[in-house]
Amino acid sequence: MADAHYRTALVTGASSGIGAATARALRRHGLEVIACARREDRLKALADEIGARYIVCDLRDQQAVYDALGGLEVDVLVNNAGIGRGFTSITKASPEDIEATVGLNVMGLLHAVRALVPGMIERARGHIVNIGSVAGLHGCAPVVYGASKGAVHLLSQDLRMDLSGSGVRVTEICPGRVMTEFFDVAFDDEEAKRKFTSGFTLLEAGDVAECVVHAINAPWRVNIATIEVIPTEQAIGGVQIQAARSETRP
C-alpha cells in the first residue's frame, strides 16, 4: 500500500456495517486483517469470507481490551466500534444509555489506542484511523452521541500532537448518515428511525471504508488529518429557531 509499508490492520466493530466493509476493503488491498467485535458468530463468518483473523472483545471491558489487544503487532488500528444509545434529548436519555455510549465511543477507543500504539511507536510505523461523525464537528440534537464524537474529534487532534515525530499517523473520518445497523440500536421507536433514515439516499458502509483505504494509502509524508463525508442530499449547518412557550418567558 503506497510507501507506508503497512501489513496488518485491526478493525473494531467489525461484525457489521462500516467495520465489516472496512475489513473487506483492507483485505482486498492486501493487508492482513484482525476483525474485532463482540458477536463471535458474525466475526467468524466474516473471517471465513475474507481470510482474516478475529478477536472477540467487548471494548467497554477495560481489562478485556488489554488482555486481547496488548502486545499485538498491528500497523493500522481502525477505531470503528461505536453506538448511539440516548439518541434523543439529554432530558430523555437514560443514565444507562449515557454510560454505554460514552463508555464505548470514548473510553473503548482510548483503551484500544493505549493497548496498541506503544508497539507502533517502537516500530516507527503505524496509523490510527478514528471513525468519528459529522455530529462531532457540528452542533446536533442528539447531545450524548454528539458529545462522544466531539471527544473523538479533539482526541484525534491531540493524538497527532502526542505522536508527532513517532512515525505514527492519525486520521479522523467523519461520516454523515450511513445506512447501517447503527440506527436499529440508536432508536427504540421505529417511526423515529424511519424519519431519520428516509427522504434521501444515505451513504453506504463501503463509501466510508474507501475513505479509510484512501487515508492509509497516502504516501508516508502525507497525513490525511480529517475527512468529512456526507450524502449528496444531506447538508450540515443552518439555524434552528423555535419560540419558547409563553409561560416560560419572564
C-alpha atoms as a PDB file:
ATOM      1  CA  MET A   1       0.000   0.000   0.000  1.00  0.00           C
ATOM      2  CA  ALA A   2       1.814   3.084  -1.290  1.00  0.00           C
ATOM      3  CA  ASP A   3       5.043   3.551   0.670  1.00  0.00           C
ATOM      4  CA  ALA A   4       3.746   3.298   4.230  1.00  0.00           C
ATOM      5  CA  HIS A   5       4.609  -0.434   4.339  1.00  0.00           C
ATOM      6  CA  TYR A   6       1.581  -1.376   6.388  1.00  0.00           C
ATOM      7  CA  ARG A   7       0.996  -5.089   6.682  1.00  0.00           C
ATOM      8  CA  THR A   8      -1.577  -5.705   9.415  1.00  0.00           C
ATOM      9  CA  ALA A   9      -4.787  -3.891  10.394  1.00  0.00           C
ATOM     10  CA  LEU A  10      -7.124  -4.339  13.334  1.00  0.00           C
ATOM     11  CA  VAL A  11     -10.701  -3.143  12.851  1.00  0.00           C
ATOM     12  CA  THR A  12     -13.022  -2.744  15.828  1.00  0.00           C
ATOM     13  CA  GLY A  13     -16.770  -3.074  15.478  1.00  0.00           C
ATOM     14  CA  ALA A  14     -16.089  -5.369  12.542  1.00  0.00           C
ATOM     15  CA  SER A  15     -19.124  -7.614  12.862  1.00  0.00           C
ATOM     16  CA  SER A  16     -21.316  -5.363  10.685  1.00  0.00           C
ATOM     17  CA  GLY A  17     -21.671  -2.032   8.911  1.00  0.00           C
ATOM     18  CA  ILE A  18     -18.661   0.203   8.396  1.00  0.00           C
ATOM     19  CA  GLY A  19     -16.377  -2.139  10.334  1.00  0.00           C
ATOM     20  CA  ALA A  20     -17.167  -5.170   8.189  1.00  0.00           C
ATOM     21  CA  ALA A  21     -16.921  -3.119   4.993  1.00  0.00           C
ATOM     22  CA  THR A  22     -13.550  -1.753   6.097  1.00  0.00           C
ATOM     23  CA  ALA A  23     -12.226  -5.222   6.888  1.00  0.00           C
ATOM     24  CA  ARG A  24     -13.234  -6.379   3.404  1.00  0.00           C
ATOM     25  CA  ALA A  25     -11.689  -3.322   1.745  1.00  0.00           C
ATOM     26  CA  LEU A  26      -8.380  -3.701   3.567  1.00  0.00           C
ATOM     27  CA  ARG A  27      -8.149  -7.373   2.665  1.00  0.00           C
ATOM     28  CA  ARG A  28      -8.767  -6.506  -0.990  1.00  0.00           C
ATOM     29  CA  HIS A  29      -5.810  -4.146  -0.765  1.00  0.00           C
ATOM     30  CA  GLY A  30      -3.534  -6.832   0.584  1.00  0.00           C
ATOM     31  CA  LEU A  31      -3.445  -6.217   4.331  1.00  0.00           C
ATOM     32  CA  GLU A  32      -3.748  -8.945   6.920  1.00  0.00           C
ATOM     33  CA  VAL A  33      -6.868  -8.133   8.916  1.00  0.00           C
ATOM     34  CA  ILE A  34      -7.833  -8.817  12.505  1.00  0.00           C
ATOM     35  CA  ALA A  35     -11.562  -8.275  12.962  1.00  0.00           C
ATOM     36  CA  CYS A  36     -12.630  -7.349  16.491  1.00  0.00           C
ATOM     37  CA  ALA A  37     -16.154  -7.194  17.928  1.00  0.00           C
ATOM     38  CA  ARG A  38     -18.484  -8.827  20.450  1.00  0.00           C
ATOM     39  CA  ARG A  39     -20.534 -11.097  18.178  1.00  0.00           C
ATOM     40  CA  GLU A  40     -18.455 -14.193  17.524  1.00  0.00           C
ATOM     41  CA  ASP A  41     -20.831 -15.777  15.011  1.00  0.00           C
ATOM     42  CA  ARG A  42     -20.661 -12.758  12.721  1.00  0.00           C
ATOM     43  CA  LEU A  43     -16.926 -12.357  13.194  1.00  0.00           C
ATOM     44  CA  LYS A  44     -16.294 -15.968  12.272  1.00  0.00           C
ATOM     45  CA  ALA A  45     -18.450 -15.658   9.162  1.00  0.00           C
ATOM     46  CA  LEU A  46     -16.561 -12.538   8.093  1.00  0.00           C
ATOM     47  CA  ALA A  47     -13.176 -14.097   8.841  1.00  0.00           C
ATOM     48  CA  ASP A  48     -14.068 -17.180   6.792  1.00  0.00           C
ATOM     49  CA  GLU A  49     -15.308 -14.993   3.941  1.00  0.00           C
ATOM     50  CA  ILE A  50     -12.250 -12.769   3.586  1.00  0.00           C
ATOM     51  CA  GLY A  51      -9.494 -14.864   5.135  1.00  0.00           C
ATOM     52  CA  ALA A  52      -8.963 -12.861   8.317  1.00  0.00           C
ATOM     53  CA  ARG A  53      -8.271 -13.470  11.971  1.00  0.00           C
ATOM     54  CA  TYR A  54     -10.766 -12.383  14.588  1.00  0.00           C
ATOM     55  CA  ILE A  55     -10.847 -11.440  18.255  1.00  0.00           C
ATOM     56  CA  VAL A  56     -13.984 -11.447  20.378  1.00  0.00           C
ATOM     57  CA  CYS A  57     -13.815  -8.484  22.748  1.00  0.00           C
ATOM     58  CA  ASP A  58     -16.184  -6.000  24.361  1.00  0.00           C
ATOM     59  CA  LEU A  59     -14.290  -2.704  24.284  1.00  0.00           C
ATOM     60  CA  ARG A  60     -16.305  -1.455  27.249  1.00  0.00           C
ATOM     61  CA  ASP A  61     -14.465  -4.033  29.382  1.00  0.00           C
ATOM     62  CA  GLN A  62     -11.148  -2.355  30.152  1.00  0.00           C
ATOM     63  CA  GLN A  63      -9.271  -5.460  31.265  1.00  0.00           C
ATOM     64  CA  ALA A  64     -10.574  -7.466  28.311  1.00  0.00           C
ATOM     65  CA  VAL A  65      -9.173  -4.835  25.926  1.00  0.00           C
ATOM     66  CA  TYR A  66      -5.657  -5.105  27.315  1.00  0.00           C
ATOM     67  CA  ASP A  67      -5.829  -8.891  27.585  1.00  0.00           C
ATOM     68  CA  ALA A  68      -6.993  -9.235  23.966  1.00  0.00           C
ATOM     69  CA  LEU A  69      -5.079  -6.458  22.210  1.00  0.00           C
ATOM     70  CA  GLY A  70      -1.992  -5.833  24.315  1.00  0.00           C
ATOM     71  CA  GLY A  71       1.173  -6.970  22.567  1.00  0.00           C
ATOM     72  CA  LEU A  72      -0.380  -7.403  19.130  1.00  0.00           C
ATOM     73  CA  GLU A  73       1.784  -6.216  16.237  1.00  0.00           C
ATOM     74  CA  VAL A  74      -0.641  -4.042  14.306  1.00  0.00           C
ATOM     75  CA  ASP A  75       0.240  -1.361  11.768  1.00  0.00           C
ATOM     76  CA  VAL A  76      -3.246   0.093  11.292  1.00  0.00           C
ATOM     77  CA  LEU A  77      -5.872   0.495  14.007  1.00  0.00           C
ATOM     78  CA  VAL A  78      -9.348   1.384  12.760  1.00  0.00           C
ATOM     79  CA  ASN A  79     -11.391   2.543  15.747  1.00  0.00           C
ATOM     80  CA  ASN A  80     -14.850   1.983  14.349  1.00  0.00           C
ATOM     81  CA  ALA A  81     -16.801   0.423  17.238  1.00  0.00           C
ATOM     82  CA  GLY A  82     -19.482   2.773  18.456  1.00  0.00           C
ATOM     83  CA  ILE A  83     -23.140   3.116  19.409  1.00  0.00           C
ATOM     84  CA  GLY A  84     -25.675   5.908  19.675  1.00  0.00           C
ATOM     85  CA  ARG A  85     -27.859   4.993  22.603  1.00  0.00           C
ATOM     86  CA  GLY A  86     -29.587   8.012  24.093  1.00  0.00           C
ATOM     87  CA  PHE A  87     -30.082   9.352  20.559  1.00  0.00           C
ATOM     88  CA  THR A  88     -32.601  11.859  21.820  1.00  0.00           C
ATOM     89  CA  SER A  89     -32.832  14.927  24.039  1.00  0.00           C
ATOM     90  CA  ILE A  90     -30.472  14.856  27.028  1.00  0.00           C
ATOM     91  CA  THR A  91     -33.572  15.148  29.216  1.00  0.00           C
ATOM     92  CA  LYS A  92     -34.812  11.799  27.916  1.00  0.00           C
ATOM     93  CA  ALA A  93     -31.532   9.874  27.742  1.00  0.00           C
ATOM     94  CA  SER A  94     -31.241   7.249  30.444  1.00  0.00           C
ATOM     95  CA  PRO A  95     -28.142   7.121  32.660  1.00  0.00           C
ATOM     96  CA  GLU A  96     -27.501   3.635  31.304  1.00  0.00           C
ATOM     97  CA  ASP A  97     -27.559   4.869  27.696  1.00  0.00           C
ATOM     98  CA  ILE A  98     -25.186   7.721  28.534  1.00  0.00           C
ATOM     99  CA  GLU A  99     -22.775   5.304  30.186  1.00  0.00           C
ATOM    100  CA  ALA A 100     -22.945   2.814  27.291  1.00  0.00           C
ATOM    101  CA  THR A 101     -22.401   5.426  24.567  1.00  0.00           C
ATOM    102  CA  VAL A 102     -19.543   7.277  26.222  1.00  0.00           C
ATOM    103  CA  GLY A 103     -18.054   4.026  27.508  1.00  0.00           C
ATOM    104  CA  LEU A 104     -17.716   2.549  24.028  1.00  0.00           C
ATOM    105  CA  ASN A 105     -17.284   5.611  21.810  1.00  0.00           C
ATOM    106  CA  VAL A 106     -14.695   7.316  24.007  1.00  0.00           C
ATOM    107  CA  MET A 107     -13.276   5.029  26.692  1.00  0.00           C
ATOM    108  CA  GLY A 108     -13.165   1.943  24.477  1.00  0.00           C
ATOM    109  CA  LEU A 109     -11.332   3.895  21.786  1.00  0.00           C
ATOM    110  CA  LEU A 110      -8.823   5.313  24.257  1.00  0.00           C
ATOM    111  CA  HIS A 111      -8.015   1.916  25.721  1.00  0.00           C
ATOM    112  CA  ALA A 112      -7.600   0.362  22.259  1.00  0.00           C
ATOM    113  CA  VAL A 113      -5.150   3.139  21.376  1.00  0.00           C
ATOM    114  CA  ARG A 114      -3.276   2.682  24.652  1.00  0.00           C
ATOM    115  CA  ALA A 115      -3.027  -1.077  24.104  1.00  0.00           C
ATOM    116  CA  LEU A 116      -1.678  -0.935  20.542  1.00  0.00           C
ATOM    117  CA  VAL A 117       0.150   2.342  19.970  1.00  0.00           C
ATOM    118  CA  PRO A 118       3.273   1.602  22.057  1.00  0.00           C
ATOM    119  CA  GLY A 119       4.150  -1.155  19.582  1.00  0.00           C
ATOM    120  CA  MET A 120       3.614   1.212  16.659  1.00  0.00           C
ATOM    121  CA  ILE A 121       5.994   3.707  18.234  1.00  0.00           C
ATOM    122  CA  GLU A 122       8.630   1.005  18.783  1.00  0.00           C
ATOM    123  CA  ARG A 123       8.434   0.045  15.101  1.00  0.00           C
ATOM    124  CA  ALA A 124       8.222   3.710  13.976  1.00  0.00           C
ATOM    125  CA  ARG A 125       5.314   2.694  11.773  1.00  0.00           C
ATOM    126  CA  GLY A 126       1.579   2.925  12.310  1.00  0.00           C
ATOM    127  CA  HIS A 127      -1.724   4.570  11.505  1.00  0.00           C
ATOM    128  CA  ILE A 128      -4.703   5.232  13.765  1.00  0.00           C
ATOM    129  CA  VAL A 129      -7.999   5.794  11.945  1.00  0.00           C
ATOM    130  CA  ASN A 130     -10.806   7.030  14.169  1.00  0.00           C
ATOM    131  CA  ILE A 131     -14.331   6.829  12.795  1.00  0.00           C
ATOM    132  CA  GLY A 132     -15.929   9.993  14.113  1.00  0.00           C
ATOM    133  CA  SER A 133     -19.073  11.687  12.850  1.00  0.00           C
ATOM    134  CA  VAL A 134     -20.282  14.990  11.496  1.00  0.00           C
ATOM    135  CA  ALA A 135     -22.097  15.090  14.847  1.00  0.00           C
ATOM    136  CA  GLY A 136     -18.690  15.585  16.428  1.00  0.00           C
ATOM    137  CA  LEU A 137     -17.884  18.556  14.183  1.00  0.00           C
ATOM    138  CA  HIS A 138     -21.196  20.426  14.143  1.00  0.00           C
ATOM    139  CA  GLY A 139     -23.923  21.049  16.654  1.00  0.00           C
ATOM    140  CA  CYS A 140     -26.625  18.387  16.667  1.00  0.00           C
ATOM    141  CA  ALA A 141     -29.690  17.500  18.688  1.00  0.00           C
ATOM    142  CA  PRO A 142     -28.573  14.059  19.985  1.00  0.00           C
ATOM    143  CA  VAL A 143     -26.425  15.521  22.772  1.00  0.00           C
ATOM    144  CA  VAL A 144     -24.916  12.318  24.175  1.00  0.00           C
ATOM    145  CA  TYR A 145     -23.851  10.931  20.808  1.00  0.00           C
ATOM    146  CA  GLY A 146     -22.632  14.312  19.579  1.00  0.00           C
ATOM    147  CA  ALA A 147     -20.604  14.840  22.743  1.00  0.00           C
ATOM    148  CA  SER A 148     -18.976  11.424  22.429  1.00  0.00           C
ATOM    149  CA  LYS A 149     -17.998  12.067  18.813  1.00  0.00           C
ATOM    150  CA  GLY A 150     -16.847  15.577  19.691  1.00  0.00           C
ATOM    151  CA  ALA A 151     -14.467  13.888  22.108  1.00  0.00           C
ATOM    152  CA  VAL A 152     -13.231  11.653  19.290  1.00  0.00           C
ATOM    153  CA  HIS A 153     -12.563  14.750  17.170  1.00  0.00           C
ATOM    154  CA  LEU A 154     -10.437  16.520  19.765  1.00  0.00           C
ATOM    155  CA  LEU A 155      -8.816  13.255  20.782  1.00  0.00           C
ATOM    156  CA  SER A 156      -7.680  12.752  17.182  1.00  0.00           C
ATOM    157  CA  GLN A 157      -6.148  16.218  17.083  1.00  0.00           C
ATOM    158  CA  ASP A 158      -4.428  15.692  20.422  1.00  0.00           C
ATOM    159  CA  LEU A 159      -3.066  12.318  19.315  1.00  0.00           C
ATOM    160  CA  ARG A 160      -1.331  13.928  16.333  1.00  0.00           C
ATOM    161  CA  MET A 161       0.465  16.242  18.706  1.00  0.00           C
ATOM    162  CA  ASP A 162       1.266  13.482  21.174  1.00  0.00           C
ATOM    163  CA  LEU A 163       2.638  11.201  18.439  1.00  0.00           C
ATOM    164  CA  SER A 164       4.460  13.859  16.418  1.00  0.00           C
ATOM    165  CA  GLY A 165       7.833  12.512  15.314  1.00  0.00           C
ATOM    166  CA  SER A 166       6.928   8.901  16.145  1.00  0.00           C
ATOM    167  CA  GLY A 167       6.121   7.799  12.593  1.00  0.00           C
ATOM    168  CA  VAL A 168       2.503   7.118  13.594  1.00  0.00           C
ATOM    169  CA  ARG A 169      -0.204   8.929  11.612  1.00  0.00           C
ATOM    170  CA  VAL A 170      -3.706   9.782  12.816  1.00  0.00           C
ATOM    171  CA  THR A 171      -6.774  10.185  10.600  1.00  0.00           C
ATOM    172  CA  GLU A 172     -10.325  11.019  11.623  1.00  0.00           C
ATOM    173  CA  ILE A 173     -13.167  10.147   9.251  1.00  0.00           C
ATOM    174  CA  CYS A 174     -16.455  11.918   9.936  1.00  0.00           C
ATOM    175  CA  PRO A 175     -19.411  10.456   8.030  1.00  0.00           C
ATOM    176  CA  GLY A 176     -22.885  11.836   7.758  1.00  0.00           C
ATOM    177  CA  ARG A 177     -25.775   9.401   7.792  1.00  0.00           C
ATOM    178  CA  VAL A 178     -24.827   5.891   6.723  1.00  0.00           C
ATOM    179  CA  MET A 179     -27.267   3.042   6.132  1.00  0.00           C
ATOM    180  CA  THR A 180     -26.113   0.517   8.738  1.00  0.00           C
ATOM    181  CA  GLU A 181     -27.447  -1.260  11.819  1.00  0.00           C
ATOM    182  CA  PHE A 182     -26.461   1.801  13.860  1.00  0.00           C
ATOM    183  CA  PHE A 183     -29.980   3.188  13.689  1.00  0.00           C
ATOM    184  CA  ASP A 184     -31.526  -0.129  14.756  1.00  0.00           C
ATOM    185  CA  VAL A 185     -29.664   0.225  18.039  1.00  0.00           C
ATOM    186  CA  ALA A 186     -29.954   4.005  18.384  1.00  0.00           C
ATOM    187  CA  PHE A 187     -33.744   4.178  18.073  1.00  0.00           C
ATOM    188  CA  ASP A 188     -36.307   2.302  20.114  1.00  0.00           C
ATOM    189  CA  ASP A 189     -39.118   3.896  18.118  1.00  0.00           C
ATOM    190  CA  GLU A 190     -39.496   2.606  14.550  1.00  0.00           C
ATOM    191  CA  GLU A 191     -41.220   5.758  13.352  1.00  0.00           C
ATOM    192  CA  ALA A 192     -38.412   7.958  14.662  1.00  0.00           C
ATOM    193  CA  LYS A 193     -35.884   5.732  12.921  1.00  0.00           C
ATOM    194  CA  ARG A 194     -37.850   5.861   9.668  1.00  0.00           C
ATOM    195  CA  LYS A 195     -37.930   9.671   9.717  1.00  0.00           C
ATOM    196  CA  PHE A 196     -34.200   9.855  10.354  1.00  0.00           C
ATOM    197  CA  THR A 197     -33.222   7.424   7.593  1.00  0.00           C
ATOM    198  CA  SER A 198     -35.716   8.209   4.822  1.00  0.00           C
ATOM    199  CA  GLY A 199     -36.285  11.015   2.352  1.00  0.00           C
ATOM    200  CA  PHE A 200     -32.829  10.930   0.767  1.00  0.00           C
ATOM    201  CA  THR A 201     -30.114   8.475  -0.219  1.00  0.00           C
ATOM    202  CA  LEU A 202     -27.792   7.691   2.674  1.00  0.00           C
ATOM    203  CA  LEU A 203     -24.130   6.736   2.397  1.00  0.00           C
ATOM    204  CA  GLU A 204     -23.296   3.056   2.262  1.00  0.00           C
ATOM    205  CA  ALA A 205     -20.782   1.408   4.580  1.00  0.00           C
ATOM    206  CA  GLY A 206     -18.437   0.802   1.654  1.00  0.00           C
ATOM    207  CA  ASP A 207     -18.240   4.535   0.961  1.00  0.00           C
ATOM    208  CA  VAL A 208     -16.685   5.113   4.376  1.00  0.00           C
ATOM    209  CA  ALA A 209     -14.425   2.069   4.007  1.00  0.00           C
ATOM    210  CA  GLU A 210     -12.960   3.567   0.831  1.00  0.00           C
ATOM    211  CA  CYS A 211     -12.117   6.724   2.790  1.00  0.00           C
ATOM    212  CA  VAL A 212     -10.118   4.549   5.199  1.00  0.00           C
ATOM    213  CA  VAL A 213      -8.243   2.979   2.292  1.00  0.00           C
ATOM    214  CA  HIS A 214      -7.568   6.393   0.771  1.00  0.00           C
ATOM    215  CA  ALA A 215      -6.121   7.737   4.023  1.00  0.00           C
ATOM    216  CA  ILE A 216      -3.782   4.859   4.786  1.00  0.00           C
ATOM    217  CA  ASN A 217      -2.719   4.538   1.155  1.00  0.00           C
ATOM    218  CA  ALA A 218      -1.372   8.099   1.076  1.00  0.00           C
ATOM    219  CA  PRO A 219       2.420   8.459   0.791  1.00  0.00           C
ATOM    220  CA  TRP A 220       4.124   8.281   4.161  1.00  0.00           C
ATOM    221  CA  ARG A 221       4.887  12.022   4.116  1.00  0.00           C
ATOM    222  CA  VAL A 222       1.137  12.738   3.930  1.00  0.00           C
ATOM    223  CA  ASN A 223      -1.154  12.577   6.959  1.00  0.00           C
ATOM    224  CA  ILE A 224      -4.759  12.991   5.850  1.00  0.00           C
ATOM    225  CA  ALA A 225      -5.982  14.523   9.088  1.00  0.00           C
ATOM    226  CA  THR A 226      -9.758  14.763   8.719  1.00  0.00           C
ATOM    227  CA  ILE A 227     -12.236  13.552   6.122  1.00  0.00           C
ATOM    228  CA  GLU A 228     -15.829  14.806   6.275  1.00  0.00           C
ATOM    229  CA  VAL A 229     -18.025  12.682   4.011  1.00  0.00           C
ATOM    230  CA  ILE A 230     -21.775  13.178   3.718  1.00  0.00           C
ATOM    231  CA  PRO A 231     -24.589  12.087   1.434  1.00  0.00           C
ATOM    232  CA  THR A 232     -25.068  14.356  -1.580  1.00  0.00           C
ATOM    233  CA  GLU A 233     -28.526  15.262  -0.315  1.00  0.00           C
ATOM    234  CA  GLN A 234     -27.515  15.918   3.290  1.00  0.00           C
ATOM    235  CA  ALA A 235     -26.436  19.437   4.234  1.00  0.00           C
ATOM    236  CA  ILE A 236     -24.847  20.248   7.584  1.00  0.00           C
ATOM    237  CA  GLY A 237     -25.412  23.508   9.440  1.00  0.00           C
ATOM    238  CA  GLY A 238     -28.018  26.215   9.339  1.00  0.00           C
ATOM    239  CA  VAL A 239     -30.080  27.813  12.072  1.00  0.00           C
ATOM    240  CA  GLN A 240     -32.897  26.253  14.043  1.00  0.00           C
ATOM    241  CA  ILE A 241     -35.273  28.599  15.818  1.00  0.00           C
ATOM    242  CA  GLN A 242     -38.197  27.634  17.981  1.00  0.00           C
ATOM    243  CA  ALA A 243     -40.107  30.190  20.006  1.00  0.00           C
ATOM    244  CA  ALA A 244     -40.306  29.478  23.721  1.00  0.00           C
ATOM    245  CA  ARG A 245     -43.687  28.708  25.191  1.00  0.00           C
ATOM    246  CA  SER A 246     -45.267  31.864  26.571  1.00  0.00           C
ATOM    247  CA  GLU A 247     -45.432  30.514  30.105  1.00  0.00           C
ATOM    248  CA  THR A 248     -41.628  30.079  30.167  1.00  0.00           C
ATOM    249  CA  ARG A 249     -40.906  33.694  29.306  1.00  0.00           C
ATOM    250  CA  PRO A 250     -40.043  36.166  32.053  1.00  0.00           C
END
